[in-house]
């Protein structure tokens, strides 16, 4: 996905790394994941994943397998982005950043859903919109199909989907 330019995006320091993905997103994606390597310690999430690693488990050092859901700590996204790209199969929900790691991720993505007005669920974030743009990034055909399915179910009201230039031209 070469040529995606993200200028003028200033990183926002997170007040906390606990950001739970709302259930509606998983409902429209319609997927069961094999692994969530960045799951919250106290539960509080609704990720449909068979295996969940928390900060206690150190999901970065654990083996990754199958179809992965990754909503990483925003304060230290670089190693998570690198690990996600190395794994190469799943969905990533994270900040759109004017950083090398995001440009690399965007360039290997099969699909990107740029999301605006996204609200996480967490007692400190409940009902608050994200202070930064977010991207749901797909690596692999199954992940791209999940974004397409979610887009058709929501009318893409929450953002815009970017596809590879070669797909858009055909």
C-alpha atoms as a PDB file:
ATOM      1  CA  UNK A   1       0.000   0.000   0.000  1.00  0.00           C
ATOM      2  CA  UNK A   2       2.690   2.428  -1.011  1.00  0.00           C
ATOM      3  CA  UNK A   3       2.114   6.122  -1.181  1.00  0.00           C
ATOM      4  CA  UNK A   4      -0.120   6.560   1.884  1.00  0.00           C
ATOM      5  CA  UNK A   5       0.932   9.964   3.190  1.00  0.00           C
ATOM      6  CA  UNK A   6       0.183  10.927   6.755  1.00  0.00           C
ATOM      7  CA  UNK A   7       1.412  14.441   7.296  1.00  0.00           C
ATOM      8  CA  UNK A   8       0.268  16.786  10.009  1.00  0.00           C
ATOM      9  CA  UNK A   9      -0.633  14.024  12.439  1.00  0.00           C
ATOM     10  CA  UNK A  10       0.800  14.765  15.848  1.00  0.00           C
ATOM     11  CA  UNK A  11       1.055  11.895  18.314  1.00  0.00           C
ATOM     12  CA  UNK A  12      -1.069  12.305  21.431  1.00  0.00           C
ATOM     13  CA  UNK A  13       0.311  10.935  24.689  1.00  0.00           C
ATOM     14  CA  UNK A  14      -2.138   8.412  26.113  1.00  0.00           C
ATOM     15  CA  UNK A  15      -3.509   8.938  29.605  1.00  0.00           C
ATOM     16  CA  UNK A  16      -3.623   5.165  30.045  1.00  0.00           C
ATOM     17  CA  UNK A  17      -2.886   2.144  27.891  1.00  0.00           C
ATOM     18  CA  UNK A  18      -6.101   0.397  28.927  1.00  0.00           C
ATOM     19  CA  UNK A  19      -8.394   0.849  25.937  1.00  0.00           C
ATOM     20  CA  UNK A  20     -11.028  -1.819  25.420  1.00  0.00           C
ATOM     21  CA  UNK A  21     -12.413  -2.394  21.958  1.00  0.00           C
ATOM     22  CA  UNK A  22     -16.208  -2.055  21.942  1.00  0.00           C
ATOM     23  CA  UNK A  23     -18.285  -5.160  21.260  1.00  0.00           C
ATOM     24  CA  UNK A  24     -20.002  -3.618  18.212  1.00  0.00           C
ATOM     25  CA  UNK A  25     -16.722  -3.750  16.270  1.00  0.00           C
ATOM     26  CA  UNK A  26     -16.324  -7.489  16.853  1.00  0.00           C
ATOM     27  CA  UNK A  27     -19.978  -8.014  15.978  1.00  0.00           C
ATOM     28  CA  UNK A  28     -19.568  -6.356  12.563  1.00  0.00           C
ATOM     29  CA  UNK A  29     -16.212  -8.040  11.892  1.00  0.00           C
ATOM     30  CA  UNK A  30     -17.820 -11.435  12.531  1.00  0.00           C
ATOM     31  CA  UNK A  31     -14.572 -13.216  13.401  1.00  0.00           C
ATOM     32  CA  UNK A  32     -13.178 -15.485  16.092  1.00  0.00           C
ATOM     33  CA  UNK A  33      -9.481 -14.870  16.720  1.00  0.00           C
ATOM     34  CA  UNK A  34      -6.900 -17.420  17.746  1.00  0.00           C
ATOM     35  CA  UNK A  35      -4.922 -14.925  19.834  1.00  0.00           C
ATOM     36  CA  UNK A  36      -5.136 -11.533  21.533  1.00  0.00           C
ATOM     37  CA  UNK A  37      -1.541 -10.812  22.623  1.00  0.00           C
ATOM     38  CA  UNK A  38      -2.383  -7.481  24.327  1.00  0.00           C
ATOM     39  CA  UNK A  39      -5.420  -8.332  26.424  1.00  0.00           C
ATOM     40  CA  UNK A  40      -6.212  -6.343  29.593  1.00  0.00           C
ATOM     41  CA  UNK A  41      -5.238  -7.876  32.928  1.00  0.00           C
ATOM     42  CA  UNK A  42      -8.607  -7.413  34.610  1.00  0.00           C
ATOM     43  CA  UNK A  43     -10.765  -8.849  31.842  1.00  0.00           C
ATOM     44  CA  UNK A  44     -12.950  -5.907  30.934  1.00  0.00           C
ATOM     45  CA  UNK A  45     -12.810  -6.658  27.243  1.00  0.00           C
ATOM     46  CA  UNK A  46     -14.947  -8.619  24.844  1.00  0.00           C
ATOM     47  CA  UNK A  47     -12.345  -9.833  22.349  1.00  0.00           C
ATOM     48  CA  UNK A  48     -13.501 -13.130  20.855  1.00  0.00           C
ATOM     49  CA  UNK A  49     -10.108 -14.838  21.111  1.00  0.00           C
ATOM     50  CA  UNK A  50      -9.259 -18.388  22.118  1.00  0.00           C
ATOM     51  CA  UNK A  51      -5.962 -17.375  23.784  1.00  0.00           C
ATOM     52  CA  UNK A  52      -5.280 -14.061  25.536  1.00  0.00           C
ATOM     53  CA  UNK A  53      -1.953 -12.725  26.805  1.00  0.00           C
ATOM     54  CA  UNK A  54      -1.820  -9.820  29.244  1.00  0.00           C
ATOM     55  CA  UNK A  55       1.008  -7.539  30.338  1.00  0.00           C
ATOM     56  CA  UNK A  56       1.698 -10.146  33.042  1.00  0.00           C
ATOM     57  CA  UNK A  57       2.296 -12.756  30.308  1.00  0.00           C
ATOM     58  CA  UNK A  58       4.277 -10.268  28.171  1.00  0.00           C
ATOM     59  CA  UNK A  59       2.493 -10.920  24.890  1.00  0.00           C
ATOM     60  CA  UNK A  60       5.465  -9.635  22.899  1.00  0.00           C
ATOM     61  CA  UNK A  61       7.668 -12.518  24.045  1.00  0.00           C
ATOM     62  CA  UNK A  62       5.024 -15.252  23.848  1.00  0.00           C
ATOM     63  CA  UNK A  63       4.503 -17.360  20.714  1.00  0.00           C
ATOM     64  CA  UNK A  64       1.963 -15.891  18.305  1.00  0.00           C
ATOM     65  CA  UNK A  65      -0.221 -18.253  16.309  1.00  0.00           C
ATOM     66  CA  UNK A  66      -3.146 -18.189  13.927  1.00  0.00           C
ATOM     67  CA  UNK A  67      -5.457 -15.265  13.303  1.00  0.00           C
ATOM     68  CA  UNK A  68      -4.442 -12.440  15.673  1.00  0.00           C
ATOM     69  CA  UNK A  69      -6.330  -9.470  17.119  1.00  0.00           C
ATOM     70  CA  UNK A  70      -3.961  -6.737  18.322  1.00  0.00           C
ATOM     71  CA  UNK A  71      -5.041  -3.535  20.097  1.00  0.00           C
ATOM     72  CA  UNK A  72      -1.586  -2.682  21.487  1.00  0.00           C
ATOM     73  CA  UNK A  73      -0.491  -0.250  24.189  1.00  0.00           C
ATOM     74  CA  UNK A  74      -0.471   3.103  22.404  1.00  0.00           C
ATOM     75  CA  UNK A  75       2.423   4.404  24.510  1.00  0.00           C
ATOM     76  CA  UNK A  76       4.803   1.833  23.020  1.00  0.00           C
ATOM     77  CA  UNK A  77       3.336   0.745  19.682  1.00  0.00           C
ATOM     78  CA  UNK A  78       6.603   0.212  17.772  1.00  0.00           C
ATOM     79  CA  UNK A  79       7.546  -3.282  19.030  1.00  0.00           C
ATOM     80  CA  UNK A  80       3.928  -4.406  18.709  1.00  0.00           C
ATOM     81  CA  UNK A  81       3.742  -3.170  15.119  1.00  0.00           C
ATOM     82  CA  UNK A  82       6.997  -4.957  14.310  1.00  0.00           C
ATOM     83  CA  UNK A  83       5.751  -8.206  15.853  1.00  0.00           C
ATOM     84  CA  UNK A  84       2.381  -7.914  14.099  1.00  0.00           C
ATOM     85  CA  UNK A  85       4.082  -7.384  10.725  1.00  0.00           C
ATOM     86  CA  UNK A  86       6.413 -10.340  11.372  1.00  0.00           C
ATOM     87  CA  UNK A  87       3.393 -12.524  12.172  1.00  0.00           C
ATOM     88  CA  UNK A  88       1.561 -11.232   9.100  1.00  0.00           C
ATOM     89  CA  UNK A  89      -1.969 -12.497   9.759  1.00  0.00           C
ATOM     90  CA  UNK A  90      -4.739 -10.701  11.599  1.00  0.00           C
ATOM     91  CA  UNK A  91      -6.233  -7.331  12.510  1.00  0.00           C
ATOM     92  CA  UNK A  92      -4.543  -4.420  14.301  1.00  0.00           C
ATOM     93  CA  UNK A  93      -6.432  -1.545  15.917  1.00  0.00           C
ATOM     94  CA  UNK A  94      -4.138   1.304  16.793  1.00  0.00           C
ATOM     95  CA  UNK A  95      -3.277   4.948  16.422  1.00  0.00           C
ATOM     96  CA  UNK A  96      -2.562   6.518  13.074  1.00  0.00           C
ATOM     97  CA  UNK A  97       0.864   7.984  13.691  1.00  0.00           C
ATOM     98  CA  UNK A  98       3.368   9.981  11.733  1.00  0.00           C
ATOM     99  CA  UNK A  99       5.978   7.373  12.595  1.00  0.00           C
ATOM    100  CA  UNK A 100       8.133   4.919  10.683  1.00  0.00           C
ATOM    101  CA  UNK A 101       6.345   1.910  12.185  1.00  0.00           C
ATOM    102  CA  UNK A 102       2.938   3.101  10.952  1.00  0.00           C
ATOM    103  CA  UNK A 103       4.226   3.818   7.450  1.00  0.00           C
ATOM    104  CA  UNK A 104       5.742   0.318   7.322  1.00  0.00           C
ATOM    105  CA  UNK A 105       2.492  -1.219   8.555  1.00  0.00           C
ATOM    106  CA  UNK A 106       0.450   0.767   6.024  1.00  0.00           C
ATOM    107  CA  UNK A 107       2.738  -0.364   3.212  1.00  0.00           C
ATOM    108  CA  UNK A 108       2.203  -4.081   3.916  1.00  0.00           C
ATOM    109  CA  UNK A 109      -1.507  -3.840   4.762  1.00  0.00           C
ATOM    110  CA  UNK A 110      -4.086  -5.605   2.635  1.00  0.00           C
ATOM    111  CA  UNK A 111      -6.767  -3.230   3.869  1.00  0.00           C
ATOM    112  CA  UNK A 112      -6.927  -0.221   6.220  1.00  0.00           C
ATOM    113  CA  UNK A 113     -10.091   1.164   7.782  1.00  0.00           C
ATOM    114  CA  UNK A 114      -9.355   4.729   8.870  1.00  0.00           C
ATOM    115  CA  UNK A 115     -11.757   5.376  11.723  1.00  0.00           C
ATOM    116  CA  UNK A 116     -12.971   8.669  13.075  1.00  0.00           C
ATOM    117  CA  UNK A 117     -15.017   9.382  16.189  1.00  0.00           C
ATOM    118  CA  UNK A 118     -14.107   5.995  17.653  1.00  0.00           C
ATOM    119  CA  UNK A 119     -14.925   5.421  21.324  1.00  0.00           C
ATOM    120  CA  UNK A 120     -13.200   2.739  23.377  1.00  0.00           C
ATOM    121  CA  UNK A 121     -14.869   1.229  26.420  1.00  0.00           C
ATOM    122  CA  UNK A 122     -13.122   1.623  29.770  1.00  0.00           C
ATOM    123  CA  UNK A 123     -14.134   3.411  32.970  1.00  0.00           C
ATOM    124  CA  UNK A 124     -11.699   6.259  32.268  1.00  0.00           C
ATOM    125  CA  UNK A 125     -12.636   6.455  28.569  1.00  0.00           C
ATOM    126  CA  UNK A 126     -16.331   5.491  28.589  1.00  0.00           C
ATOM    127  CA  UNK A 127     -18.231   7.497  26.012  1.00  0.00           C
ATOM    128  CA  UNK A 128     -15.181   9.591  25.100  1.00  0.00           C
ATOM    129  CA  UNK A 129     -14.028   9.734  21.512  1.00  0.00           C
ATOM    130  CA  UNK A 130     -10.407   8.940  20.736  1.00  0.00           C
ATOM    131  CA  UNK A 131      -8.166  12.003  20.727  1.00  0.00           C
ATOM    132  CA  UNK A 132      -6.294  10.607  17.725  1.00  0.00           C
ATOM    133  CA  UNK A 133      -7.263   9.005  14.433  1.00  0.00           C
ATOM    134  CA  UNK A 134      -7.331   5.211  14.511  1.00  0.00           C
ATOM    135  CA  UNK A 135      -6.747   2.549  11.910  1.00  0.00           C
ATOM    136  CA  UNK A 136      -7.958  -1.015  11.712  1.00  0.00           C
ATOM    137  CA  UNK A 137      -5.223  -2.675   9.660  1.00  0.00           C
ATOM    138  CA  UNK A 138      -5.671  -6.018   7.913  1.00  0.00           C
ATOM    139  CA  UNK A 139      -2.855  -8.411   7.100  1.00  0.00           C
ATOM    140  CA  UNK A 140      -4.031 -11.352   5.027  1.00  0.00           C
ATOM    141  CA  UNK A 141      -7.088 -12.122   2.908  1.00  0.00           C
ATOM    142  CA  UNK A 142      -9.237 -13.215   5.862  1.00  0.00           C
ATOM    143  CA  UNK A 143      -8.541  -9.956   7.706  1.00  0.00           C
ATOM    144  CA  UNK A 144      -9.253  -7.886   4.579  1.00  0.00           C
ATOM    145  CA  UNK A 145     -12.542  -9.744   4.112  1.00  0.00           C
ATOM    146  CA  UNK A 146     -13.468  -8.993   7.743  1.00  0.00           C
ATOM    147  CA  UNK A 147     -12.959  -5.260   7.134  1.00  0.00           C
ATOM    148  CA  UNK A 148     -15.019  -5.462   3.941  1.00  0.00           C
ATOM    149  CA  UNK A 149     -17.778  -7.280   5.834  1.00  0.00           C
ATOM    150  CA  UNK A 150     -17.701  -4.708   8.647  1.00  0.00           C
ATOM    151  CA  UNK A 151     -17.823  -1.902   6.106  1.00  0.00           C
ATOM    152  CA  UNK A 152     -20.890  -3.343   4.422  1.00  0.00           C
ATOM    153  CA  UNK A 153     -22.605  -3.889   7.787  1.00  0.00           C
ATOM    154  CA  UNK A 154     -21.945  -0.334   8.979  1.00  0.00           C
ATOM    155  CA  UNK A 155     -22.115   1.531   5.697  1.00  0.00           C
ATOM    156  CA  UNK A 156     -18.590   2.648   6.581  1.00  0.00           C
ATOM    157  CA  UNK A 157     -20.171   5.402   8.655  1.00  0.00           C
ATOM    158  CA  UNK A 158     -17.246   5.272  11.046  1.00  0.00           C
ATOM    159  CA  UNK A 159     -14.519   6.027   8.505  1.00  0.00           C
ATOM    160  CA  UNK A 160     -13.052   5.191   5.147  1.00  0.00           C
ATOM    161  CA  UNK A 161     -11.501   1.970   3.837  1.00  0.00           C
ATOM    162  CA  UNK A 162      -8.258   2.132   1.893  1.00  0.00           C
ATOM    163  CA  UNK A 163      -7.355  -0.775  -0.386  1.00  0.00           C
ATOM    164  CA  UNK A 164      -4.148  -1.623  -2.187  1.00  0.00           C
ATOM    165  CA  UNK A 165      -3.617   0.516  -5.270  1.00  0.00           C
ATOM    166  CA  UNK A 166      -3.562  -2.585  -7.482  1.00  0.00           C
ATOM    167  CA  UNK A 167      -6.993  -3.657  -6.221  1.00  0.00           C
ATOM    168  CA  UNK A 168      -8.506  -0.199  -6.575  1.00  0.00           C
ATOM    169  CA  UNK A 169      -7.356   0.008 -10.193  1.00  0.00           C
ATOM    170  CA  UNK A 170      -8.968  -3.281 -11.227  1.00  0.00           C
END
